[in-house]
Protein backbone atom coordinates (compact mmCIF):
# COMPACT_ATOMS: atom_id res chain seq x y z
CA MET A 1 92.85 61.47 -0.83
CA SER A 2 96.30 59.85 -0.83
CA ALA A 3 97.84 58.41 2.33
CA LEU A 4 100.45 61.15 2.19
CA LYS A 5 97.82 63.90 2.26
CA HIS A 6 95.99 62.13 5.10
CA ILE A 7 99.16 62.09 7.16
CA VAL A 8 99.74 65.78 6.53
CA ASN A 9 96.16 67.00 6.93
CA GLU A 10 94.71 64.71 9.58
CA LEU A 11 97.68 63.65 11.71
CA HIS A 12 99.34 67.08 11.79
CA TYR A 13 102.73 66.04 10.42
CA GLU A 14 104.67 68.46 8.27
CA LEU A 15 106.76 66.49 5.76
CA THR A 16 110.02 68.36 5.24
CA ARG A 17 111.99 66.06 2.93
CA LYS A 18 112.33 62.55 1.57
CA ILE A 19 115.16 60.71 3.33
CA SER A 20 115.28 57.48 1.35
CA GLU A 21 113.22 55.16 -0.82
CA GLY A 22 113.31 51.53 -1.82
CA GLY A 23 111.40 48.37 -2.57
CA MET A 24 108.84 48.70 0.23
CA GLY A 25 108.16 52.42 0.35
CA VAL A 26 109.50 55.83 1.30
CA VAL A 27 110.99 57.34 4.46
CA TYR A 28 110.33 61.01 5.17
CA GLU A 29 111.63 63.47 7.69
CA ALA A 30 108.64 65.13 9.32
CA VAL A 31 107.76 67.54 12.08
CA GLN A 32 105.01 66.57 14.50
CA ALA A 33 103.09 69.57 15.79
CA GLY A 34 101.38 69.80 19.17
CA MET A 35 99.92 72.24 21.65
CA GLY A 36 101.84 75.31 22.75
CA GLN A 37 104.02 75.37 19.63
CA PHE A 38 105.32 71.87 20.46
CA ARG A 39 107.36 70.50 17.56
CA LYS A 40 109.21 67.19 17.32
CA VAL A 41 111.23 65.90 14.38
CA VAL A 42 110.41 62.27 13.51
CA ALA A 43 110.86 59.85 10.63
CA ILE A 44 107.80 58.45 8.85
CA LYS A 45 108.10 55.22 6.90
CA LEU A 46 105.20 54.88 4.46
CA ILE A 47 104.72 51.33 3.20
CA ARG A 48 103.89 50.98 -0.49
CA GLU A 49 100.24 50.42 -1.23
CA GLU A 50 100.79 47.13 -3.05
CA TYR A 51 102.21 45.60 0.14
CA SER A 52 99.73 47.25 2.50
CA SER A 53 96.83 45.63 0.64
CA ILE A 54 98.15 42.05 0.91
CA HIS A 55 96.71 40.17 3.88
CA GLU A 56 99.78 38.02 4.53
CA PHE A 57 102.05 41.04 4.58
CA GLN A 58 99.64 42.91 6.88
CA LYS A 59 99.67 40.02 9.34
CA ASN A 60 103.45 39.66 9.41
CA PHE A 61 104.16 43.37 9.35
CA ILE A 62 101.80 44.12 12.24
CA GLY A 63 103.15 41.17 14.21
CA GLU A 64 106.75 42.27 13.76
CA ALA A 65 105.90 45.90 14.55
CA ARG A 66 104.28 44.82 17.82
CA LEU A 67 107.43 42.90 18.75
CA VAL A 68 109.74 45.87 18.22
CA ALA A 69 107.45 48.49 19.78
CA ASP A 70 109.00 47.94 23.22
CA LEU A 71 112.61 47.95 22.02
CA ILE A 72 113.75 51.07 23.88
CA HIS A 73 117.53 51.27 23.86
CA THR A 74 120.07 53.95 23.07
CA ASN A 75 121.57 51.81 20.26
CA ILE A 76 118.26 51.02 18.53
CA VAL A 77 116.11 53.40 16.49
CA GLN A 78 112.82 53.48 18.38
CA THR A 79 109.42 52.88 16.79
CA TYR A 80 106.80 55.29 18.17
CA HIS A 81 103.64 54.40 16.30
CA LEU A 82 102.18 52.02 13.71
CA GLY A 83 99.12 53.20 11.83
CA GLN A 84 97.08 52.77 8.71
CA ILE A 85 95.56 55.65 6.78
CA GLY A 86 94.36 56.02 3.22
CA GLY A 87 94.79 52.27 2.73
CA GLN A 88 98.53 52.28 3.55
CA TYR A 89 100.52 51.38 6.64
CA PHE A 90 103.02 53.80 8.09
CA MET A 91 105.42 53.84 11.02
CA THR A 92 106.49 56.86 13.01
CA MET A 93 110.06 56.39 14.20
CA GLU A 94 112.88 58.16 15.98
CA TYR A 95 114.66 60.56 13.64
CA VAL A 96 118.45 60.25 13.59
CA SER A 97 120.30 63.30 12.30
CA GLY A 98 123.35 61.77 10.67
CA VAL A 99 124.42 59.24 8.05
CA ASN A 100 124.12 55.50 7.70
CA LEU A 101 127.19 53.31 7.78
CA GLU A 102 126.98 52.60 4.05
CA GLN A 103 127.25 56.34 3.34
CA PHE A 104 130.10 56.58 5.84
CA LEU A 105 131.99 53.79 4.05
CA ASP A 106 131.37 55.45 0.69
CA ARG A 107 132.80 58.71 2.04
CA HIS A 108 135.97 56.90 3.09
CA ALA A 109 136.24 55.27 -0.35
CA ASP A 110 135.84 58.65 -2.05
CA MET A 111 138.68 59.98 0.08
CA ASN A 112 140.81 56.84 -0.44
CA ARG A 113 140.95 56.59 3.33
CA THR A 114 140.57 53.69 5.76
CA MET A 115 138.60 53.95 8.98
CA PRO A 116 140.64 54.01 12.20
CA VAL A 117 140.74 50.50 13.66
CA GLU A 118 139.58 51.54 17.13
CA LEU A 119 136.61 53.54 15.81
CA ALA A 120 135.53 50.61 13.62
CA ALA A 121 135.62 48.31 16.66
CA PHE A 122 133.78 50.94 18.74
CA ILE A 123 130.94 51.25 16.22
CA ILE A 124 130.45 47.48 16.14
CA SER A 125 130.58 47.25 19.94
CA ARG A 126 127.64 49.69 20.12
CA VAL A 127 125.69 47.64 17.59
CA CYS A 128 126.41 44.59 19.77
CA ARG A 129 124.82 46.41 22.69
CA GLY A 130 121.65 47.01 20.71
CA LEU A 131 121.54 43.46 19.37
CA ASN A 132 122.12 41.96 22.81
CA TYR A 133 119.21 43.96 24.20
CA ALA A 134 116.91 42.88 21.35
CA HIS A 135 117.98 39.21 21.40
CA ALA A 136 117.41 39.00 25.17
CA LYS A 137 114.08 40.87 25.15
CA ARG A 138 111.27 39.16 27.06
CA ASP A 139 107.52 39.73 27.01
CA ARG A 140 105.32 40.74 29.93
CA ASP A 141 105.13 37.11 31.04
CA ASP A 142 108.94 36.91 31.10
CA ARG A 143 109.07 34.66 28.04
CA LEU A 144 111.97 35.13 25.62
CA ILE A 145 110.54 36.73 22.48
CA GLY A 146 113.27 35.44 20.16
CA ILE A 147 113.84 38.58 18.07
CA VAL A 148 116.38 38.17 15.26
CA HIS A 149 117.15 41.18 13.08
CA ARG A 150 117.98 39.11 9.95
CA ASP A 151 119.22 42.12 7.96
CA VAL A 152 122.28 43.51 9.74
CA ASN A 153 124.18 45.52 7.12
CA PRO A 154 125.74 49.01 6.89
CA LYS A 155 122.59 50.61 5.48
CA ASN A 156 120.69 49.63 8.65
CA ILE A 157 123.25 51.12 11.05
CA MET A 158 122.90 54.85 11.70
CA LEU A 159 125.62 57.21 12.94
CA ALA A 160 124.25 60.37 14.50
CA TYR A 161 126.35 63.49 14.09
CA GLU A 162 126.61 63.54 17.90
CA GLY A 163 128.35 60.13 17.77
CA ASP A 164 125.49 57.82 18.74
CA VAL A 165 125.30 54.47 16.90
CA LYS A 166 121.83 53.04 16.26
CA LEU A 167 120.56 49.88 14.59
CA THR A 168 117.34 50.23 12.62
CA ASP A 169 114.80 48.28 10.55
CA PHE A 170 113.99 45.48 12.98
CA GLY A 171 111.26 43.22 11.69
CA ILE A 172 110.40 44.86 8.38
CA ALA A 173 112.56 42.62 6.21
CA LYS A 174 111.27 39.61 8.09
CA ALA A 175 107.67 40.63 7.44
CA LEU A 176 108.40 40.82 3.72
CA ASP A 177 110.38 37.56 3.65
CA LEU A 178 107.60 35.65 5.36
CA MET A 179 104.77 37.03 3.24
CA TYR A 180 104.41 33.77 1.33
CA ASN A 181 107.14 31.58 2.80
CA GLU A 182 108.03 30.05 6.11
CA GLU A 183 111.38 30.87 7.64
CA GLY A 184 113.96 28.45 6.31
CA LYS A 185 112.51 28.71 2.80
CA VAL A 186 113.78 32.21 2.02
CA ILE A 187 117.12 34.00 1.98
CA PRO A 188 117.02 36.56 4.81
CA GLY A 189 118.69 39.92 4.21
CA LYS A 190 121.33 40.97 1.70
CA ASP A 191 123.32 38.16 0.07
CA GLU A 192 126.75 39.58 0.91
CA TYR A 193 125.87 40.01 4.62
CA ILE A 194 123.92 36.86 5.43
CA SER A 195 125.11 34.03 7.64
CA PRO A 196 126.00 30.57 6.29
CA GLU A 197 122.79 29.19 7.78
CA GLY A 198 120.82 31.93 6.04
CA ALA A 199 122.58 31.26 2.75
CA SER A 200 121.71 27.57 3.02
CA TYR A 201 118.01 28.17 3.81
CA ALA A 202 118.27 27.05 7.44
CA VAL A 203 116.17 28.61 10.19
CA THR A 204 118.16 31.45 11.75
CA ASP A 205 118.66 32.50 15.34
CA ALA A 206 120.51 35.31 17.12
CA ARG A 207 123.88 33.87 16.10
CA SER A 208 123.04 34.66 12.49
CA ASP A 209 123.07 38.38 13.32
CA ILE A 210 126.52 37.95 14.87
CA PHE A 211 128.00 36.52 11.65
CA SER A 212 126.49 39.42 9.69
CA LEU A 213 127.99 41.86 12.18
CA GLY A 214 131.38 40.17 11.75
CA ILE A 215 131.13 40.87 8.01
CA VAL A 216 130.31 44.52 8.71
CA LEU A 217 133.31 44.80 11.09
CA SER A 218 135.63 43.34 8.46
CA GLU A 219 134.26 45.79 5.89
CA LEU A 220 134.88 48.77 8.16
CA LEU A 221 138.45 47.63 8.70
CA LEU A 222 139.27 46.75 5.09
CA GLY A 223 137.06 49.18 3.20
CA LYS A 224 135.37 46.41 1.22
CA ASN A 225 133.05 43.45 1.65
CA LEU A 226 135.16 40.37 0.97
CA PHE A 227 132.13 38.23 0.15
CA ARG A 228 130.48 40.55 -2.38
CA ALA A 229 130.41 39.28 -5.96
CA PRO A 230 128.74 40.60 -9.14
CA GLN A 231 126.12 37.86 -9.00
CA ARG A 232 123.97 37.24 -5.92
CA LEU A 233 124.48 33.49 -6.14
CA ASP A 234 128.24 33.98 -6.12
CA SER A 235 128.00 36.17 -3.01
CA ARG A 236 126.11 33.41 -1.22
CA ARG A 237 128.63 30.84 -2.44
CA ASN A 238 131.44 32.98 -1.02
CA ILE A 239 129.62 33.14 2.32
CA LEU A 240 129.50 29.34 2.36
CA THR A 241 132.90 28.38 0.97
CA MET A 242 135.40 31.24 0.65
CA PRO A 243 138.37 30.82 3.01
CA ILE A 244 138.23 33.35 5.86
CA PRO A 245 141.45 35.37 5.54
CA ASN A 246 143.99 36.38 8.13
CA PHE A 247 142.84 39.97 8.49
CA SER A 248 146.07 41.22 10.01
CA ALA A 249 147.82 40.24 6.78
CA LEU A 250 145.42 42.52 4.91
CA ARG A 251 145.79 45.38 7.40
CA PRO A 252 148.74 45.26 9.79
CA GLU A 253 147.06 47.53 12.40
CA ILE A 254 144.69 44.67 13.22
CA ASP A 255 146.34 43.15 16.29
CA PRO A 256 145.95 39.53 17.53
CA LYS A 257 143.09 40.43 19.92
CA LEU A 258 140.97 41.99 17.19
CA GLU A 259 141.94 39.23 14.77
CA ALA A 260 140.61 36.66 17.25
CA ILE A 261 137.31 38.57 17.53
CA LEU A 262 136.89 38.61 13.75
CA GLN A 263 137.71 34.94 13.38
CA ARG A 264 135.26 33.90 16.09
CA ALA A 265 132.43 36.09 14.77
CA LEU A 266 132.92 34.59 11.30
CA GLN A 267 132.91 30.93 12.29
CA ARG A 268 130.68 29.11 9.82
CA ASP A 269 129.79 26.54 12.45
CA ARG A 270 127.46 28.56 14.65
CA ALA A 271 128.27 26.37 17.65
CA LYS A 272 131.84 27.77 17.44
CA ARG A 273 130.74 31.35 16.84
CA TYR A 274 129.97 33.88 19.57
CA GLN A 275 126.83 32.52 21.14
CA THR A 276 125.53 35.93 22.19
CA ALA A 277 126.05 39.54 21.16
CA PHE A 278 127.00 40.17 24.79
CA GLU A 279 130.04 37.89 24.42
CA MET A 280 131.19 39.74 21.30
CA MET A 281 130.54 43.12 22.92
CA THR A 282 132.58 42.12 25.97
CA ASP A 283 135.58 41.05 23.87
CA LEU A 284 135.41 44.27 21.83
CA GLU A 285 135.25 46.41 24.96
CA LEU A 286 138.14 44.53 26.57
CA TYR A 287 140.10 45.13 23.37
CA LEU A 288 139.21 48.84 23.38
CA TYR A 289 139.48 49.76 27.06
CA SER A 290 141.48 47.19 29.04
CA ASP A 291 144.78 49.07 28.99
CA ARG A 292 144.01 52.54 27.67
CA TYR A 293 141.44 55.30 27.30
CA GLY A 294 139.46 54.21 24.26
CA PRO A 295 136.90 55.66 21.85
CA THR A 296 133.71 57.40 22.95
CA ASN A 297 130.62 58.83 21.27
CA GLU A 298 132.27 62.24 21.46
CA LYS A 299 135.41 61.00 19.69
CA LEU A 300 133.29 59.44 16.96
CA ALA A 301 131.38 62.73 16.55
CA VAL A 302 134.66 64.62 16.09
CA TYR A 303 135.80 62.08 13.51
CA ILE A 304 132.52 62.26 11.57
CA ARG A 305 132.91 66.03 11.33
CA GLU A 306 136.55 65.65 10.31
CA ILE A 307 135.91 63.35 7.36
CA TYR A 308 133.18 65.62 6.03
CA GLU A 309 135.54 68.57 5.84
CA LYS A 310 136.34 69.64 2.28
CA ASP A 311 140.08 69.57 2.97
CA ASN A 312 142.53 69.83 5.83
CA SER A 313 142.70 73.61 5.74
CA SER A 314 139.03 74.57 5.79
CA ARG A 315 136.14 73.54 7.93
CA ALA A 316 133.12 72.68 5.83
CA PRO A 317 129.69 72.03 7.28
CA LEU A 318 128.30 68.53 7.59
CA PRO A 319 126.41 67.32 4.50
CA ALA A 320 123.32 69.41 3.85
CA PRO A 321 120.02 67.54 3.62
CA PRO A 322 118.33 67.24 0.23
CA PRO A 323 116.10 70.18 -0.73
CA LEU A 324 112.61 70.29 0.72
CA ARG A 325 109.93 68.69 -1.39
CA PRO A 326 106.28 69.74 -1.20
CA PRO A 327 104.22 66.70 -0.11
CA ALA A 328 101.85 67.11 -3.05
CA ALA A 329 104.72 66.59 -5.48
CA THR A 330 105.99 63.40 -3.80
CA THR A 331 105.02 60.01 -5.20
CA LEU A 332 105.47 56.40 -4.18
CA GLU A 333 106.41 55.20 -7.66
CA SER A 334 110.11 54.80 -7.00
CA GLN A 335 111.60 52.22 -4.66
CA TRP A 336 113.47 52.84 -1.46
C-alpha cells in the first residue's frame, strides 16, 4: 500500500487537493477527522520516497524537524507532527488559506501594478517578527539553538486571506543541503535570494536571513529581483558584486527612512548589516507607525481582496482552489 493510502486509511486524513509539488515531494490540503464530527484542515507534506530512504537525509530531516517543532509564533507556519508511514516521511502542518508572496508578486505583474510601499514594508516587518523569534529560540536548558532559515524567498512567505503573514519551510532545505555536505560546502537556498556569505560558500548565521529578506523587500517595492539573471552563476555573481542601487531613484515613493533600511539590510559586510531581525523589525515599525496610523493585518486583507477583483466595477471572489483530486489518482512522480 502506498504512503498516500496509508495516510488516508490509517491516519484518518481526507486529502482534498494538491497544493504544490516540487523537488522533494508534494503538499496536500487535508481534513483531519476526530470524535464528535471534529474536523480540522491541515497541510500534509509528503517527502518523496527516494529521499526518505537515504540515511543521511533521514538524520538531517528528523533533526531539523525536531528543532522547528517548538516554533510556535503567529508569523511562522507551525509544524504539528512528523511521521513515517509506507516507507515515506510526512509532516502535518498548519494550513494557511491564502497565497504565497511569489503568487502575490505575479498577480501584481499581471496587472502591471506596483505594491503600495507601506504594505510592502508591513509584510517584511511581520516576517522579521517570525525570524527574530526563530533566531532567538532556546532549548529547554536555555541554550541558544542557532536556527537559520537559509531559504527566505517569496515562495516561503504565506499571506493568509485574513491578512496574516507567515514564514514557512524552516529546516527542510537545510536537511537536503546537508545530506552529503557540511555547511559551508553548499549553496543554501535560491541563488537570487542568498546572502554574499552563502554565495561564497561561507558558513551562514542569522544575518544571512536578513540579507535575503532585504532582497525580498526590494522586490516587493520594485516588482522585480535585481539580482536575478538567466544563469544561476550570474545570479550569484550579482549577489557578490553588483552595485546596490539607490532605491529611491528607482521608485520615488521610497523615502530616506526606508532607503536607509534597505541599504543596511543589503550590506555585503555582515558586520555592517542588521545584526538581528529585531533591529530590522524595529526600524520598519518606526518607519510605519512613528507619526501616523500605519498598516494592519486587516488593511492587508482588504488589499488582497482588492487585487483579486476582476476589475474596478465588479467584486470577484478570491482565487478558487484547484479542483479536488481523488487520492488514488495522485502520484509522486512530479516535483514540487
